[in-house]
Amino acid sequence: MPEGLSPPPPRRAEARKLTGPRSVRPATTARRARCPPNCVDPASSHHIRRGLATEAARVLTTAAFGVPGSTRVEIHHHRANLASRAVPAGLGFTFLGEVPDQVDAPGKDGIDCIWSASPDLIASWRPRG
């Protein structure tokens, strides 16, 4: 490689070696059939209603409040998505209200819900173990 030039970005296969073979894929039947064993397919029956999104939100909220000066964490979701509504509600977030949003995907109704948490919320969570 000539001096002063940076190498080209890695190809997908090379990038996969660097970051590990994991991915999140859209929920389509064709893709589900091709999803490798270590793939996370959000629509797969193996992954829904198991608390994975709730646990991820718990970990991210805890990490966010570990940043000095953090005073609030918000979760936004589409009003029509009841499973997403269960995540902040189950964690004890406070419902702030609804705001208009674009309808840019099937199933969206043009309304987003906003939930908020303060640092003292994580003190009320039971330890996981």
Protein backbone atom coordinates (compact mmCIF):
# COMPACT_ATOMS: atom_id res chain seq x y z
CA MET A 1 0.00 0.00 0.00
CA PRO A 2 1.44 3.42 -0.91
CA GLU A 3 2.55 5.56 2.00
CA GLY A 4 -0.08 7.94 3.36
CA LEU A 5 -3.06 5.95 2.08
CA SER A 6 -5.30 4.08 4.46
CA PRO A 7 -6.39 0.53 3.64
CA PRO A 8 -9.87 0.02 2.17
CA PRO A 9 -12.66 -0.89 4.57
CA PRO A 10 -12.91 -4.64 5.28
CA ARG A 11 -15.28 -6.74 3.23
CA ARG A 12 -18.30 -8.25 5.00
CA ALA A 13 -16.55 -11.60 5.57
CA GLU A 14 -13.44 -9.84 6.89
CA ALA A 15 -15.54 -7.55 9.09
CA ARG A 16 -17.36 -10.60 10.44
CA LYS A 17 -14.00 -12.05 11.54
CA LEU A 18 -13.21 -8.82 13.36
CA THR A 19 -16.52 -8.37 15.14
CA GLY A 20 -17.80 -11.93 15.43
CA PRO A 21 -20.57 -13.60 13.47
CA ARG A 22 -23.68 -11.99 14.86
CA SER A 23 -26.46 -10.04 13.29
CA VAL A 24 -30.00 -8.79 13.64
CA ARG A 25 -32.11 -9.48 10.59
CA PRO A 26 -35.57 -8.43 9.44
CA ALA A 27 -38.38 -10.80 10.26
CA THR A 28 -39.07 -12.49 6.96
CA THR A 29 -39.70 -16.18 6.38
CA ALA A 30 -36.94 -16.42 3.77
CA ARG A 31 -34.42 -14.82 6.08
CA ARG A 32 -35.48 -16.92 9.07
CA ALA A 33 -34.74 -20.04 7.07
CA ARG A 34 -31.24 -18.72 6.24
CA CYS A 35 -30.42 -17.33 9.67
CA PRO A 36 -27.23 -19.03 10.92
CA PRO A 37 -27.19 -20.64 14.39
CA ASN A 38 -25.67 -17.57 16.09
CA CYS A 39 -28.03 -15.09 14.43
CA VAL A 40 -30.62 -13.16 16.43
CA ASP A 41 -33.89 -13.03 14.52
CA PRO A 42 -36.23 -10.72 16.46
CA ALA A 43 -39.32 -12.45 15.07
CA SER A 44 -38.17 -15.97 15.86
CA SER A 45 -40.31 -17.78 18.41
CA HIS A 46 -37.07 -18.62 20.21
CA HIS A 47 -36.46 -14.95 20.99
CA ILE A 48 -39.86 -13.36 21.64
CA ARG A 49 -41.51 -13.05 25.06
CA ARG A 50 -38.36 -14.16 26.86
CA GLY A 51 -37.45 -10.83 28.44
CA LEU A 52 -34.46 -10.16 26.18
CA ALA A 53 -35.52 -6.61 25.29
CA THR A 54 -36.36 -5.86 28.92
CA GLU A 55 -32.99 -7.14 30.10
CA ALA A 56 -31.20 -5.16 27.37
CA ALA A 57 -33.07 -1.99 28.39
CA ARG A 58 -32.19 -2.66 32.04
CA VAL A 59 -28.48 -3.01 31.21
CA LEU A 60 -28.42 0.05 28.94
CA THR A 61 -30.30 2.17 31.49
CA THR A 62 -27.87 1.16 34.23
CA ALA A 63 -24.93 1.98 31.94
CA ALA A 64 -26.44 5.34 30.98
CA PHE A 65 -26.78 6.37 34.61
CA GLY A 66 -23.15 5.38 35.12
CA VAL A 67 -22.16 8.31 32.90
CA PRO A 68 -21.44 11.37 35.09
CA GLY A 69 -24.13 14.01 34.76
CA SER A 70 -26.84 11.68 33.41
CA THR A 71 -30.18 12.67 34.88
CA ARG A 72 -32.73 10.95 32.65
CA VAL A 73 -33.13 8.01 30.28
CA GLU A 74 -35.99 7.93 27.78
CA ILE A 75 -37.53 5.06 25.84
CA HIS A 76 -39.61 5.87 22.76
CA HIS A 77 -41.78 3.33 20.95
CA HIS A 78 -44.66 3.26 18.50
CA ARG A 79 -48.03 3.28 20.24
CA ALA A 80 -49.23 0.28 18.23
CA ASN A 81 -46.33 -1.88 19.45
CA LEU A 82 -47.71 -3.36 22.67
CA ALA A 83 -44.70 -5.61 23.24
CA SER A 84 -42.42 -2.56 23.20
CA ARG A 85 -44.76 -0.79 25.61
CA ALA A 86 -44.30 -3.64 28.10
CA VAL A 87 -40.53 -3.03 28.33
CA PRO A 88 -40.47 0.42 29.99
CA ALA A 89 -43.67 -0.30 31.89
CA GLY A 90 -42.18 -3.48 33.34
CA LEU A 91 -38.99 -1.68 34.35
CA GLY A 92 -40.90 1.05 36.18
CA PHE A 93 -40.31 3.92 33.76
CA THR A 94 -42.78 6.81 33.99
CA PHE A 95 -45.10 7.32 31.02
CA LEU A 96 -44.71 10.93 29.84
CA GLY A 97 -47.20 10.92 26.97
CA GLU A 98 -47.67 10.57 23.25
CA VAL A 99 -46.25 12.65 20.41
CA PRO A 100 -46.96 12.67 16.67
CA ASP A 101 -44.54 10.73 14.48
CA GLN A 102 -44.19 9.80 10.81
CA VAL A 103 -45.99 6.76 9.46
CA ASP A 104 -43.07 5.23 7.60
CA ALA A 105 -43.70 1.52 8.11
CA PRO A 106 -46.66 -0.85 8.13
CA GLY A 107 -48.29 -1.13 11.53
CA LYS A 108 -47.31 2.35 12.68
CA ASP A 109 -50.14 4.68 13.59
CA GLY A 110 -48.20 7.95 13.60
CA ILE A 111 -47.99 8.23 17.39
CA ASP A 112 -44.91 7.62 19.56
CA CYS A 113 -45.03 6.95 23.29
CA ILE A 114 -42.34 8.40 25.56
CA TRP A 115 -41.24 6.91 28.89
CA SER A 116 -38.68 8.35 31.30
CA ALA A 117 -36.55 7.15 34.21
CA SER A 118 -34.39 8.94 36.76
CA PRO A 119 -31.28 7.51 38.44
CA ASP A 120 -33.18 6.46 41.57
CA LEU A 121 -35.20 3.98 39.49
CA ILE A 122 -32.31 1.53 39.19
CA ALA A 123 -32.00 1.43 42.99
CA SER A 124 -35.48 -0.14 43.08
CA TRP A 125 -34.54 -2.99 40.72
CA ARG A 126 -33.85 -6.35 42.30
CA PRO A 127 -30.39 -7.74 41.60
CA ARG A 128 -30.26 -10.29 38.77
CA GLY A 129 -28.45 -13.49 39.39
